[in-house]
């Protein structure tokens, strides 16, 4: 949340019954600004404002100012505290193993936990130069999600943070 990067990604979801969904995604961040374009939705922050966009019934993208954003330092501190609670301490949700090369394996410690954020098992990998996510694998009983970066850059222009045109 504190580094500047942009990634284009390939997302693949497979289900135990053989179902398969694929999509491309684009994410960029230049703190505090960020943009995520995935699955017909856009999530963005520009300075101290939050922008929310979605594809309507006509297929056109519609965006709106969703209001003031939390102070970025508070947003980062909250995300870090949440993650620390999930992976550290006696009551942690996950055991974590450093696999080297910027990759970490997570294994759910609490059987039956409803909707765990990283599924039952996950592997998260980050680019050493930018801190950008380059591979995410999340396994759940209902399927497996794999997101792989197809391009990564530490240079983010204003246009990279702009929502796609309607």
Protein backbone atom coordinates (compact mmCIF):
# COMPACT_ATOMS: atom_id res chain seq x y z
CA UNK A 1 0.00 0.00 0.00
CA UNK A 2 3.00 2.30 0.20
CA UNK A 3 4.77 1.60 -3.10
CA UNK A 4 4.08 2.80 -6.63
CA UNK A 5 3.29 0.21 -9.29
CA UNK A 6 0.91 -0.90 -12.01
CA UNK A 7 0.06 -4.42 -13.11
CA UNK A 8 -1.98 -6.05 -15.83
CA UNK A 9 -3.25 -9.43 -14.66
CA UNK A 10 -4.89 -12.61 -15.89
CA UNK A 11 -7.51 -13.97 -13.48
CA UNK A 12 -8.63 -17.62 -13.66
CA UNK A 13 -11.23 -19.27 -11.45
CA UNK A 14 -11.85 -23.00 -11.60
CA UNK A 15 -14.49 -24.94 -9.71
CA UNK A 16 -14.49 -28.59 -8.59
CA UNK A 17 -17.31 -29.25 -11.09
CA UNK A 18 -15.10 -28.09 -13.98
CA UNK A 19 -16.41 -24.54 -14.30
CA UNK A 20 -13.97 -21.92 -15.50
CA UNK A 21 -13.97 -18.12 -15.59
CA UNK A 22 -11.21 -15.95 -17.05
CA UNK A 23 -10.79 -12.20 -17.11
CA UNK A 24 -8.13 -9.55 -17.39
CA UNK A 25 -7.61 -7.01 -14.66
CA UNK A 26 -5.66 -3.80 -14.30
CA UNK A 27 -4.43 -2.27 -11.07
CA UNK A 28 -2.30 0.79 -10.39
CA UNK A 29 -1.27 2.64 -7.28
CA UNK A 30 0.68 5.77 -6.54
CA UNK A 31 -0.17 6.37 -2.89
CA UNK A 32 -2.62 7.55 -1.90
CA UNK A 33 -4.14 7.14 -5.37
CA UNK A 34 -5.16 3.73 -6.66
CA UNK A 35 -7.25 2.18 -9.41
CA UNK A 36 -8.55 -1.36 -9.86
CA UNK A 37 -10.42 -2.37 -13.03
CA UNK A 38 -11.77 -5.92 -12.86
CA UNK A 39 -14.91 -7.83 -13.67
CA UNK A 40 -16.86 -4.86 -15.00
CA UNK A 41 -16.22 -2.74 -11.93
CA UNK A 42 -13.81 0.04 -11.08
CA UNK A 43 -12.57 0.97 -7.64
CA UNK A 44 -10.50 4.13 -7.36
CA UNK A 45 -9.14 6.74 -5.00
CA UNK A 46 -7.84 10.09 -6.19
CA UNK A 47 -6.27 12.18 -3.45
CA UNK A 48 -8.83 12.46 -0.68
CA UNK A 49 -11.82 11.31 -2.78
CA UNK A 50 -13.21 7.84 -3.47
CA UNK A 51 -14.61 7.03 -6.90
CA UNK A 52 -16.99 4.11 -7.43
CA UNK A 53 -17.90 2.79 -10.88
CA UNK A 54 -19.94 -0.12 -12.16
CA UNK A 55 -21.33 -1.38 -15.44
CA UNK A 56 -25.08 -0.76 -15.62
CA UNK A 57 -27.81 -2.80 -17.30
CA UNK A 58 -27.08 -1.09 -20.63
CA UNK A 59 -23.45 -2.19 -20.47
CA UNK A 60 -22.17 1.36 -20.03
CA UNK A 61 -19.74 2.20 -17.26
CA UNK A 62 -21.07 4.74 -14.81
CA UNK A 63 -18.86 6.43 -12.20
CA UNK A 64 -19.66 8.61 -9.22
CA UNK A 65 -17.84 10.43 -6.47
CA UNK A 66 -18.41 8.18 -3.48
CA UNK A 67 -17.27 10.81 -0.99
CA UNK A 68 -14.29 11.64 1.11
CA UNK A 69 -11.70 8.94 1.67
CA UNK A 70 -10.24 8.13 5.06
CA UNK A 71 -6.85 9.66 5.69
CA UNK A 72 -4.43 7.39 3.84
CA UNK A 73 -2.22 6.81 6.86
CA UNK A 74 -5.29 5.52 8.73
CA UNK A 75 -6.24 3.27 5.80
CA UNK A 76 -2.75 1.74 5.70
CA UNK A 77 -2.57 1.32 9.49
CA UNK A 78 -5.98 -0.39 9.53
CA UNK A 79 -5.05 -2.80 6.71
CA UNK A 80 -1.75 -3.66 8.39
CA UNK A 81 -3.44 -4.24 11.75
CA UNK A 82 -6.05 -6.50 10.15
CA UNK A 83 -3.42 -8.56 8.34
CA UNK A 84 -1.23 -8.80 11.44
CA UNK A 85 -4.19 -10.13 13.42
CA UNK A 86 -4.80 -12.76 10.74
CA UNK A 87 -1.22 -14.05 10.62
CA UNK A 88 0.39 -13.44 14.03
CA UNK A 89 -0.32 -14.41 17.63
CA UNK A 90 -1.93 -17.39 19.29
CA UNK A 91 -5.35 -16.63 17.80
CA UNK A 92 -4.11 -16.11 14.24
CA UNK A 93 -6.29 -17.28 11.39
CA UNK A 94 -3.40 -18.45 9.17
CA UNK A 95 0.00 -20.05 9.48
CA UNK A 96 2.43 -18.36 7.10
CA UNK A 97 5.55 -19.79 5.47
CA UNK A 98 8.08 -17.63 3.66
CA UNK A 99 8.78 -19.52 0.42
CA UNK A 100 11.50 -17.13 -0.74
CA UNK A 101 11.59 -14.95 -3.85
CA UNK A 102 8.83 -12.72 -2.46
CA UNK A 103 6.32 -15.56 -2.05
CA UNK A 104 4.38 -16.56 1.06
CA UNK A 105 2.16 -19.59 1.70
CA UNK A 106 -0.86 -19.25 3.98
CA UNK A 107 -2.72 -22.17 5.53
CA UNK A 108 -6.00 -21.73 7.42
CA UNK A 109 -5.65 -22.80 11.07
CA UNK A 110 -9.34 -22.54 11.98
CA UNK A 111 -11.42 -25.35 10.41
CA UNK A 112 -14.94 -24.31 9.51
CA UNK A 113 -14.17 -20.58 9.55
CA UNK A 114 -16.85 -18.93 7.38
CA UNK A 115 -15.51 -17.06 4.32
CA UNK A 116 -11.83 -16.82 5.26
CA UNK A 117 -10.22 -13.91 3.36
CA UNK A 118 -7.42 -16.04 1.87
CA UNK A 119 -9.42 -19.26 1.54
CA UNK A 120 -8.16 -22.49 3.08
CA UNK A 121 -4.74 -22.17 1.42
CA UNK A 122 -3.09 -19.34 -0.46
CA UNK A 123 0.16 -18.37 -2.09
CA UNK A 124 0.96 -14.69 -2.46
CA UNK A 125 3.97 -13.46 -4.45
CA UNK A 126 5.29 -9.91 -4.79
CA UNK A 127 7.71 -8.23 -7.20
CA UNK A 128 11.00 -7.42 -5.44
CA UNK A 129 11.54 -4.14 -7.29
CA UNK A 130 8.07 -2.59 -6.89
CA UNK A 131 6.21 -4.55 -4.21
CA UNK A 132 3.46 -5.22 -6.75
CA UNK A 133 1.49 -8.47 -6.49
CA UNK A 134 2.67 -10.79 -9.26
CA UNK A 135 0.90 -14.05 -8.40
CA UNK A 136 -1.99 -14.87 -6.09
CA UNK A 137 -3.41 -18.36 -5.65
CA UNK A 138 -6.38 -18.82 -3.33
CA UNK A 139 -7.99 -22.23 -2.75
CA UNK A 140 -11.47 -22.59 -1.29
CA UNK A 141 -13.85 -25.56 -1.16
CA UNK A 142 -15.90 -23.92 -3.95
CA UNK A 143 -12.93 -23.37 -6.26
CA UNK A 144 -9.48 -22.00 -6.90
CA UNK A 145 -8.54 -18.48 -8.01
CA UNK A 146 -5.21 -17.78 -9.68
CA UNK A 147 -4.19 -14.24 -10.63
CA UNK A 148 -0.92 -13.79 -12.53
CA UNK A 149 0.67 -10.49 -13.50
CA UNK A 150 1.25 -10.27 -17.24
CA UNK A 151 3.08 -6.94 -16.96
CA UNK A 152 4.52 -4.99 -14.04
CA UNK A 153 5.92 -1.47 -13.90
CA UNK A 154 7.07 0.88 -11.17
CA UNK A 155 6.16 3.90 -13.31
CA UNK A 156 2.57 5.13 -12.91
CA UNK A 157 1.31 8.04 -15.02
CA UNK A 158 -1.87 10.00 -14.37
CA UNK A 159 -3.55 8.12 -17.23
CA UNK A 160 -2.86 4.80 -15.44
CA UNK A 161 -5.02 6.00 -12.56
CA UNK A 162 -7.93 7.20 -14.72
CA UNK A 163 -11.04 5.00 -15.00
CA UNK A 164 -11.75 3.62 -18.46
CA UNK A 165 -14.09 5.72 -20.61
CA UNK A 166 -17.82 4.98 -20.40
